[in-house]
PDB file of all heavy atoms in Angstrom:
ATOM      1  N   GLN A   1     -61.331  78.031 -38.274  1.00  0.00           N
ATOM      2  CA  GLN A   1     -60.068  78.129 -37.520  1.00  0.00           C
ATOM      3  C   GLN A   1     -59.178  76.941 -37.888  1.00  0.00           C
ATOM      4  O   GLN A   1     -59.692  75.862 -38.313  1.00  0.00           O
ATOM      5  CB  GLN A   1     -60.324  78.141 -36.028  1.00  0.00           C
ATOM      6  CG  GLN A   1     -61.081  79.356 -35.556  1.00  0.00           C
ATOM      7  CD  GLN A   1     -61.301  79.359 -34.049  1.00  0.00           C
ATOM      8  OE1 GLN A   1     -60.699  78.558 -33.306  1.00  0.00           O
ATOM      9  NE2 GLN A   1     -62.155  80.247 -33.565  1.00  0.00           N
ATOM     10  N   ASP A   2     -57.905  77.068 -37.732  1.00  0.00           N
ATOM     11  CA  ASP A   2     -56.993  75.984 -37.984  1.00  0.00           C
ATOM     12  C   ASP A   2     -57.405  74.773 -37.135  1.00  0.00           C
ATOM     13  O   ASP A   2     -57.711  74.870 -35.947  1.00  0.00           O
ATOM     14  CB  ASP A   2     -55.537  76.326 -37.571  1.00  0.00           C
ATOM     15  CG  ASP A   2     -54.899  77.268 -38.599  1.00  0.00           C
ATOM     16  OD1 ASP A   2     -55.416  77.415 -39.697  1.00  0.00           O
ATOM     17  OD2 ASP A   2     -53.842  77.883 -38.280  1.00  0.00           O
ATOM     18  N   GLY A   3     -57.448  73.637 -37.798  1.00  0.00           N
ATOM     19  CA  GLY A   3     -57.785  72.403 -37.057  1.00  0.00           C
ATOM     20  C   GLY A   3     -59.250  72.015 -37.193  1.00  0.00           C
ATOM     21  O   GLY A   3     -59.608  70.856 -36.953  1.00  0.00           O
ATOM     22  N   ASP A   4     -60.147  72.959 -37.571  1.00  0.00           N
ATOM     23  CA  ASP A   4     -61.532  72.577 -37.789  1.00  0.00           C
ATOM     24  C   ASP A   4     -61.618  71.538 -38.917  1.00  0.00           C
ATOM     25  O   ASP A   4     -60.814  71.596 -39.877  1.00  0.00           O
ATOM     26  CB  ASP A   4     -62.376  73.802 -38.197  1.00  0.00           C
ATOM     27  CG  ASP A   4     -62.591  74.771 -37.079  1.00  0.00           C
ATOM     28  OD1 ASP A   4     -62.211  74.445 -35.940  1.00  0.00           O
ATOM     29  OD2 ASP A   4     -63.091  75.871 -37.335  1.00  0.00           O
ATOM     30  N   ILE A   5     -62.483  70.609 -38.780  1.00  0.00           N
ATOM     31  CA  ILE A   5     -62.555  69.522 -39.754  1.00  0.00           C
ATOM     32  C   ILE A   5     -63.503  69.907 -40.927  1.00  0.00           C
ATOM     33  O   ILE A   5     -64.637  70.328 -40.680  1.00  0.00           O
ATOM     34  CB  ILE A   5     -63.073  68.195 -39.110  1.00  0.00           C
ATOM     35  CG1 ILE A   5     -62.113  67.757 -38.006  1.00  0.00           C
ATOM     36  CG2 ILE A   5     -63.229  67.086 -40.180  1.00  0.00           C
ATOM     37  CD1 ILE A   5     -60.683  67.506 -38.490  1.00  0.00           C
ATOM     38  N   ILE A   6     -62.991  69.803 -42.158  1.00  0.00           N
ATOM     39  CA  ILE A   6     -63.749  70.058 -43.326  1.00  0.00           C
ATOM     40  C   ILE A   6     -63.986  68.717 -44.069  1.00  0.00           C
ATOM     41  O   ILE A   6     -63.040  67.953 -44.253  1.00  0.00           O
ATOM     42  CB  ILE A   6     -63.051  71.041 -44.266  1.00  0.00           C
ATOM     43  CG1 ILE A   6     -62.914  72.406 -43.566  1.00  0.00           C
ATOM     44  CG2 ILE A   6     -63.816  71.168 -45.592  1.00  0.00           C
ATOM     45  CD1 ILE A   6     -62.138  73.447 -44.352  1.00  0.00           C
ATOM     46  N   ARG A   7     -65.218  68.465 -44.453  1.00  0.00           N
ATOM     47  CA  ARG A   7     -65.586  67.233 -45.137  1.00  0.00           C
ATOM     48  C   ARG A   7     -66.123  67.636 -46.540  1.00  0.00           C
ATOM     49  O   ARG A   7     -67.050  68.420 -46.653  1.00  0.00           O
ATOM     50  CB  ARG A   7     -66.660  66.430 -44.397  1.00  0.00           C
ATOM     51  CG  ARG A   7     -66.169  65.974 -42.999  1.00  0.00           C
ATOM     52  CD  ARG A   7     -67.215  65.132 -42.327  1.00  0.00           C
ATOM     53  NE  ARG A   7     -66.761  64.782 -40.983  1.00  0.00           N
ATOM     54  CZ  ARG A   7     -65.926  63.805 -40.706  1.00  0.00           C
ATOM     55  NH1 ARG A   7     -65.472  63.011 -41.690  1.00  0.00           N
ATOM     56  NH2 ARG A   7     -65.571  63.564 -39.449  1.00  0.00           N
ATOM     57  N   ILE A   8     -65.509  67.030 -47.533  1.00  0.00           N
ATOM     58  CA  ILE A   8     -65.929  67.217 -48.952  1.00  0.00           C
ATOM     59  C   ILE A   8     -66.428  65.887 -49.447  1.00  0.00           C
ATOM     60  O   ILE A   8     -65.722  64.882 -49.385  1.00  0.00           O
ATOM     61  CB  ILE A   8     -64.740  67.704 -49.774  1.00  0.00           C
ATOM     62  CG1 ILE A   8     -64.191  69.009 -49.220  1.00  0.00           C
ATOM     63  CG2 ILE A   8     -65.151  67.902 -51.250  1.00  0.00           C
ATOM     64  CD1 ILE A   8     -62.835  69.370 -49.806  1.00  0.00           C
ATOM     65  N   ASP A   9     -67.646  65.831 -49.952  1.00  0.00           N
ATOM     66  CA  ASP A   9     -68.213  64.630 -50.486  1.00  0.00           C
ATOM     67  C   ASP A   9     -68.809  64.925 -51.866  1.00  0.00           C
ATOM     68  O   ASP A   9     -69.852  65.543 -52.009  1.00  0.00           O
ATOM     69  CB  ASP A   9     -69.369  64.119 -49.540  1.00  0.00           C
ATOM     70  CG  ASP A   9     -69.845  62.745 -49.941  1.00  0.00           C
ATOM     71  OD1 ASP A   9     -69.819  62.405 -51.138  1.00  0.00           O
ATOM     72  OD2 ASP A   9     -70.337  62.032 -49.011  1.00  0.00           O
ATOM     73  N   LEU A  10     -68.080  64.505 -52.877  1.00  0.00           N
ATOM     74  CA  LEU A  10     -68.501  64.811 -54.242  1.00  0.00           C
ATOM     75  C   LEU A  10     -69.747  64.038 -54.628  1.00  0.00           C
ATOM     76  O   LEU A  10     -70.556  64.519 -55.420  1.00  0.00           O
ATOM     77  CB  LEU A  10     -67.371  64.443 -55.229  1.00  0.00           C
ATOM     78  CG  LEU A  10     -66.054  65.237 -55.075  1.00  0.00           C
ATOM     79  CD1 LEU A  10     -65.059  64.869 -56.137  1.00  0.00           C
ATOM     80  CD2 LEU A  10     -66.260  66.721 -55.016  1.00  0.00           C
ATOM     81  N   ASP A  11     -69.918  62.815 -54.088  1.00  0.00           N
ATOM     82  CA  ASP A  11     -71.122  62.068 -54.418  1.00  0.00           C
ATOM     83  C   ASP A  11     -72.362  62.683 -53.814  1.00  0.00           C
ATOM     84  O   ASP A  11     -73.391  62.733 -54.491  1.00  0.00           O
ATOM     85  CB  ASP A  11     -70.944  60.611 -53.930  1.00  0.00           C
ATOM     86  CG  ASP A  11     -69.851  59.857 -54.672  1.00  0.00           C
ATOM     87  OD1 ASP A  11     -69.655  60.147 -55.854  1.00  0.00           O
ATOM     88  OD2 ASP A  11     -69.165  59.009 -54.055  1.00  0.00           O
ATOM     89  N   ALA A  12     -72.278  63.146 -52.584  1.00  0.00           N
ATOM     90  CA  ALA A  12     -73.422  63.809 -51.948  1.00  0.00           C
ATOM     91  C   ALA A  12     -73.514  65.266 -52.329  1.00  0.00           C
ATOM     92  O   ALA A  12     -74.495  65.904 -52.015  1.00  0.00           O
ATOM     93  CB  ALA A  12     -73.292  63.666 -50.411  1.00  0.00           C
ATOM     94  N   ARG A  13     -72.477  65.773 -53.011  1.00  0.00           N
ATOM     95  CA  ARG A  13     -72.377  67.154 -53.439  1.00  0.00           C
ATOM     96  C   ARG A  13     -72.534  68.116 -52.236  1.00  0.00           C
ATOM     97  O   ARG A  13     -73.343  69.030 -52.255  1.00  0.00           O
ATOM     98  CB  ARG A  13     -73.398  67.486 -54.527  1.00  0.00           C
ATOM     99  CG  ARG A  13     -73.171  66.580 -55.767  1.00  0.00           C
ATOM    100  CD  ARG A  13     -73.917  67.007 -57.002  1.00  0.00           C
ATOM    101  NE  ARG A  13     -73.599  66.084 -58.125  1.00  0.00           N
ATOM    102  CZ  ARG A  13     -74.042  66.166 -59.335  1.00  0.00           C
ATOM    103  NH1 ARG A  13     -74.902  67.176 -59.645  1.00  0.00           N
ATOM    104  NH2 ARG A  13     -73.733  65.294 -60.263  1.00  0.00           N
ATOM    105  N   ARG A  14     -71.654  67.864 -51.258  1.00  0.00           N
ATOM    106  CA  ARG A  14     -71.688  68.641 -49.996  1.00  0.00           C
ATOM    107  C   ARG A  14     -70.254  69.013 -49.594  1.00  0.00           C
ATOM    108  O   ARG A  14     -69.314  68.295 -49.872  1.00  0.00           O
ATOM    109  CB  ARG A  14     -72.327  67.839 -48.839  1.00  0.00           C
ATOM    110  CG  ARG A  14     -73.808  67.599 -49.002  1.00  0.00           C
ATOM    111  CD  ARG A  14     -74.442  67.111 -47.691  1.00  0.00           C
ATOM    112  NE  ARG A  14     -74.300  68.099 -46.619  1.00  0.00           N
ATOM    113  CZ  ARG A  14     -75.137  69.110 -46.375  1.00  0.00           C
ATOM    114  NH1 ARG A  14     -76.158  69.323 -47.148  1.00  0.00           N
ATOM    115  NH2 ARG A  14     -74.880  69.924 -45.356  1.00  0.00           N
ATOM    116  N   VAL A  15     -70.177  70.164 -48.977  1.00  0.00           N
ATOM    117  CA  VAL A  15     -68.946  70.590 -48.277  1.00  0.00           C
ATOM    118  C   VAL A  15     -69.368  71.169 -46.929  1.00  0.00           C
ATOM    119  O   VAL A  15     -70.133  72.147 -46.846  1.00  0.00           O
ATOM    120  CB  VAL A  15     -68.135  71.593 -49.136  1.00  0.00           C
ATOM    121  CG1 VAL A  15     -69.005  72.824 -49.537  1.00  0.00           C
ATOM    122  CG2 VAL A  15     -66.882  72.041 -48.411  1.00  0.00           C
ATOM    123  N   ASP A  16     -68.919  70.548 -45.869  1.00  0.00           N
ATOM    124  CA  ASP A  16     -69.314  70.829 -44.491  1.00  0.00           C
ATOM    125  C   ASP A  16     -68.094  71.070 -43.610  1.00  0.00           C
ATOM    126  O   ASP A  16     -66.984  70.591 -43.911  1.00  0.00           O
ATOM    127  CB  ASP A  16     -70.162  69.735 -43.914  1.00  0.00           C
ATOM    128  CG  ASP A  16     -71.490  69.550 -44.663  1.00  0.00           C
ATOM    129  OD1 ASP A  16     -72.364  70.428 -44.510  1.00  0.00           O
ATOM    130  OD2 ASP A  16     -71.615  68.567 -45.387  1.00  0.00           O
ATOM    131  N   THR A  17     -68.313  71.770 -42.531  1.00  0.00           N
ATOM    132  CA  THR A  17     -67.263  71.980 -41.552  1.00  0.00           C
ATOM    133  C   THR A  17     -67.815  71.711 -40.149  1.00  0.00           C
ATOM    134  O   THR A  17     -69.040  71.862 -39.880  1.00  0.00           O
ATOM    135  CB  THR A  17     -66.714  73.414 -41.623  1.00  0.00           C
ATOM    136  OG1 THR A  17     -65.676  73.556 -40.641  1.00  0.00           O
ATOM    137  CG2 THR A  17     -67.821  74.448 -41.324  1.00  0.00           C
ATOM    138  N   HIS A  18     -66.942  71.241 -39.282  1.00  0.00           N
ATOM    139  CA  HIS A  18     -67.296  71.053 -37.873  1.00  0.00           C
ATOM    140  C   HIS A  18     -66.149  71.564 -36.986  1.00  0.00           C
ATOM    141  O   HIS A  18     -65.030  71.151 -37.216  1.00  0.00           O
ATOM    142  CB  HIS A  18     -67.559  69.562 -37.563  1.00  0.00           C
ATOM    143  CG  HIS A  18     -67.971  69.297 -36.136  1.00  0.00           C
ATOM    144  ND1 HIS A  18     -69.220  69.612 -35.672  1.00  0.00           N
ATOM    145  CD2 HIS A  18     -67.230  68.860 -35.086  1.00  0.00           C
ATOM    146  CE1 HIS A  18     -69.274  69.284 -34.402  1.00  0.00           C
ATOM    147  NE2 HIS A  18     -68.080  68.850 -33.990  1.00  0.00           N
ATOM    148  N   PRO A  19     -66.477  72.432 -36.062  1.00  0.00           N
ATOM    149  CA  PRO A  19     -67.774  73.033 -35.821  1.00  0.00           C
ATOM    150  C   PRO A  19     -68.042  74.168 -36.806  1.00  0.00           C
ATOM    151  O   PRO A  19     -67.142  74.582 -37.551  1.00  0.00           O
ATOM    152  CB  PRO A  19     -67.642  73.597 -34.398  1.00  0.00           C
ATOM    153  CG  PRO A  19     -66.185  73.949 -34.304  1.00  0.00           C
ATOM    154  CD  PRO A  19     -65.486  72.886 -35.075  1.00  0.00           C
ATOM    155  N   VAL A  20     -69.292  74.626 -36.874  1.00  0.00           N
ATOM    156  CA  VAL A  20     -69.651  75.775 -37.669  1.00  0.00           C
ATOM    157  C   VAL A  20     -69.522  77.012 -36.756  1.00  0.00           C
ATOM    158  O   VAL A  20     -70.197  77.070 -35.715  1.00  0.00           O
ATOM    159  CB  VAL A  20     -71.109  75.699 -38.198  1.00  0.00           C
ATOM    160  CG1 VAL A  20     -71.423  76.979 -39.018  1.00  0.00           C
ATOM    161  CG2 VAL A  20     -71.232  74.444 -39.068  1.00  0.00           C
ATOM    162  N   ARG A  21     -68.657  77.904 -37.106  1.00  0.00           N
ATOM    163  CA  ARG A  21     -68.383  79.058 -36.245  1.00  0.00           C
ATOM    164  C   ARG A  21     -68.839  80.369 -36.963  1.00  0.00           C
ATOM    165  O   ARG A  21     -68.722  80.502 -38.175  1.00  0.00           O
ATOM    166  CB  ARG A  21     -66.882  79.216 -35.951  1.00  0.00           C
ATOM    167  CG  ARG A  21     -66.227  77.985 -35.348  1.00  0.00           C
ATOM    168  CD  ARG A  21     -64.715  78.242 -35.166  1.00  0.00           C
ATOM    169  NE  ARG A  21     -64.002  77.020 -34.824  1.00  0.00           N
ATOM    170  CZ  ARG A  21     -63.792  76.622 -33.618  1.00  0.00           C
ATOM    171  NH1 ARG A  21     -64.299  77.296 -32.558  1.00  0.00           N
ATOM    172  NH2 ARG A  21     -63.062  75.513 -33.347  1.00  0.00           N
ATOM    173  N   ASP A  22     -69.354  81.258 -36.152  1.00  0.00           N
ATOM    174  CA  ASP A  22     -69.677  82.596 -36.684  1.00  0.00           C
ATOM    175  C   ASP A  22     -68.349  83.365 -36.822  1.00  0.00           C
ATOM    176  O   ASP A  22     -67.420  83.205 -36.029  1.00  0.00           O
ATOM    177  CB  ASP A  22     -70.606  83.363 -35.743  1.00  0.00           C
ATOM    178  CG  ASP A  22     -72.001  82.736 -35.751  1.00  0.00           C
ATOM    179  OD1 ASP A  22     -72.358  82.157 -36.752  1.00  0.00           O
ATOM    180  OD2 ASP A  22     -72.662  82.817 -34.689  1.00  0.00           O
ATOM    181  N   GLY A  23     -68.317  84.232 -37.797  1.00  0.00           N
ATOM    182  CA  GLY A  23     -67.103  85.064 -37.995  1.00  0.00           C
ATOM    183  C   GLY A  23     -67.474  86.375 -38.622  1.00  0.00           C
ATOM    184  O   GLY A  23     -68.414  86.452 -39.449  1.00  0.00           O
ATOM    185  N   GLY A  24     -66.725  87.421 -38.251  1.00  0.00           N
ATOM    186  CA  GLY A  24     -66.936  88.706 -38.890  1.00  0.00           C
ATOM    187  C   GLY A  24     -66.331  88.685 -40.295  1.00  0.00           C
ATOM    188  O   GLY A  24     -65.609  87.763 -40.648  1.00  0.00           O
ATOM    189  N   PRO A  25     -66.626  89.730 -41.045  1.00  0.00           N
ATOM    190  CA  PRO A  25     -66.070  89.791 -42.399  1.00  0.00           C
ATOM    191  C   PRO A  25     -64.560  89.698 -42.434  1.00  0.00           C
ATOM    192  O   PRO A  25     -63.869  90.335 -41.606  1.00  0.00           O
ATOM    193  CB  PRO A  25     -66.561  91.177 -42.901  1.00  0.00           C
ATOM    194  CG  PRO A  25     -67.738  91.492 -42.104  1.00  0.00           C
ATOM    195  CD  PRO A  25     -67.471  90.867 -40.743  1.00  0.00           C
ATOM    196  N   VAL A  26     -64.014  88.874 -43.317  1.00  0.00           N
ATOM    197  CA  VAL A  26     -62.604  88.698 -43.476  1.00  0.00           C
ATOM    198  C   VAL A  26     -62.209  89.202 -44.848  1.00  0.00           C
ATOM    199  O   VAL A  26     -62.758  88.740 -45.872  1.00  0.00           O
ATOM    200  CB  VAL A  26     -62.160  87.223 -43.312  1.00  0.00           C
ATOM    201  CG1 VAL A  26     -60.707  87.035 -43.605  1.00  0.00           C
ATOM    202  CG2 VAL A  26     -62.516  86.700 -41.938  1.00  0.00           C
ATOM    203  N   ARG A  27     -61.260  90.140 -44.895  1.00  0.00           N
ATOM    204  CA  ARG A  27     -60.749  90.682 -46.153  1.00  0.00           C
ATOM    205  C   ARG A  27     -59.273  90.482 -46.271  1.00  0.00           C
ATOM    206  O   ARG A  27     -58.553  90.703 -45.301  1.00  0.00           O
ATOM    207  CB  ARG A  27     -61.056  92.208 -46.218  1.00  0.00           C
ATOM    208  CG  ARG A  27     -62.516  92.577 -46.247  1.00  0.00           C
ATOM    209  CD  ARG A  27     -62.701  94.048 -46.350  1.00  0.00           C
ATOM    210  NE  ARG A  27     -64.103  94.430 -46.418  1.00  0.00           N
ATOM    211  CZ  ARG A  27     -64.798  94.524 -47.556  1.00  0.00           C
ATOM    212  NH1 ARG A  27     -64.174  94.230 -48.693  1.00  0.00           N
ATOM    213  NH2 ARG A  27     -66.052  94.880 -47.555  1.00  0.00           N
ATOM    214  N   ALA A  28     -58.828  90.041 -47.433  1.00  0.00           N
ATOM    215  CA  ALA A  28     -57.406  89.798 -47.610  1.00  0.00           C
ATOM    216  C   ALA A  28     -56.621  91.072 -47.498  1.00  0.00           C
ATOM    217  O   ALA A  28     -55.450  91.071 -47.031  1.00  0.00           O
ATOM    218  CB  ALA A  28     -57.170  89.148 -48.983  1.00  0.00           C
ATOM    219  N   ALA A  29     -57.207  92.159 -47.901  1.00  0.00           N
ATOM    220  CA  ALA A  29     -56.469  93.430 -47.926  1.00  0.00           C
ATOM    221  C   ALA A  29     -56.534  94.220 -46.639  1.00  0.00           C
ATOM    222  O   ALA A  29     -55.865  95.223 -46.447  1.00  0.00           O
ATOM    223  CB  ALA A  29     -56.999  94.304 -49.053  1.00  0.00           C
ATOM    224  N   GLY A  30     -57.381  93.749 -45.686  1.00  0.00           N
ATOM    225  CA  GLY A  30     -57.591  94.559 -44.511  1.00  0.00           C
ATOM    226  C   GLY A  30     -58.498  95.721 -44.796  1.00  0.00           C
ATOM    227  O   GLY A  30     -59.670  95.578 -44.994  1.00  0.00           O
ATOM    228  N   GLU A  31     -57.906  96.939 -44.880  1.00  0.00           N
ATOM    229  CA  GLU A  31     -58.709  98.110 -45.177  1.00  0.00           C
ATOM    230  C   GLU A  31     -58.990  98.259 -46.687  1.00  0.00           C
ATOM    231  O   GLU A  31     -58.149  97.981 -47.520  1.00  0.00           O
ATOM    232  CB  GLU A  31     -57.938  99.392 -44.712  1.00  0.00           C
ATOM    233  CG  GLU A  31     -57.756  99.445 -43.184  1.00  0.00           C
ATOM    234  CD  GLU A  31     -59.092  99.581 -42.457  1.00  0.00           C
ATOM    235  OE1 GLU A  31     -59.995 100.258 -42.975  1.00  0.00           O
ATOM    236  OE2 GLU A  31     -59.204  98.939 -41.396  1.00  0.00           O
ATOM    237  N   VAL A  32     -60.203  98.652 -46.971  1.00  0.00           N
ATOM    238  CA  VAL A  32     -60.577  98.867 -48.387  1.00  0.00           C
ATOM    239  C   VAL A  32     -59.995 100.237 -48.833  1.00  0.00           C
ATOM    240  O   VAL A  32     -60.131 101.232 -48.100  1.00  0.00           O
ATOM    241  CB  VAL A  32     -62.129  98.888 -48.531  1.00  0.00           C
ATOM    242  CG1 VAL A  32     -62.507  99.240 -49.979  1.00  0.00           C
ATOM    243  CG2 VAL A  32     -62.711  97.565 -48.108  1.00  0.00           C
TER     244      VAL A  32
END
């Protein structure tokens, strides 16, 4: 969601988010 904090650490080779939220499938087109 907007405002969730994303941390990218190239040295640790990690990409994390806080909080971690469950979400249903998201499609750019909506209906297939």
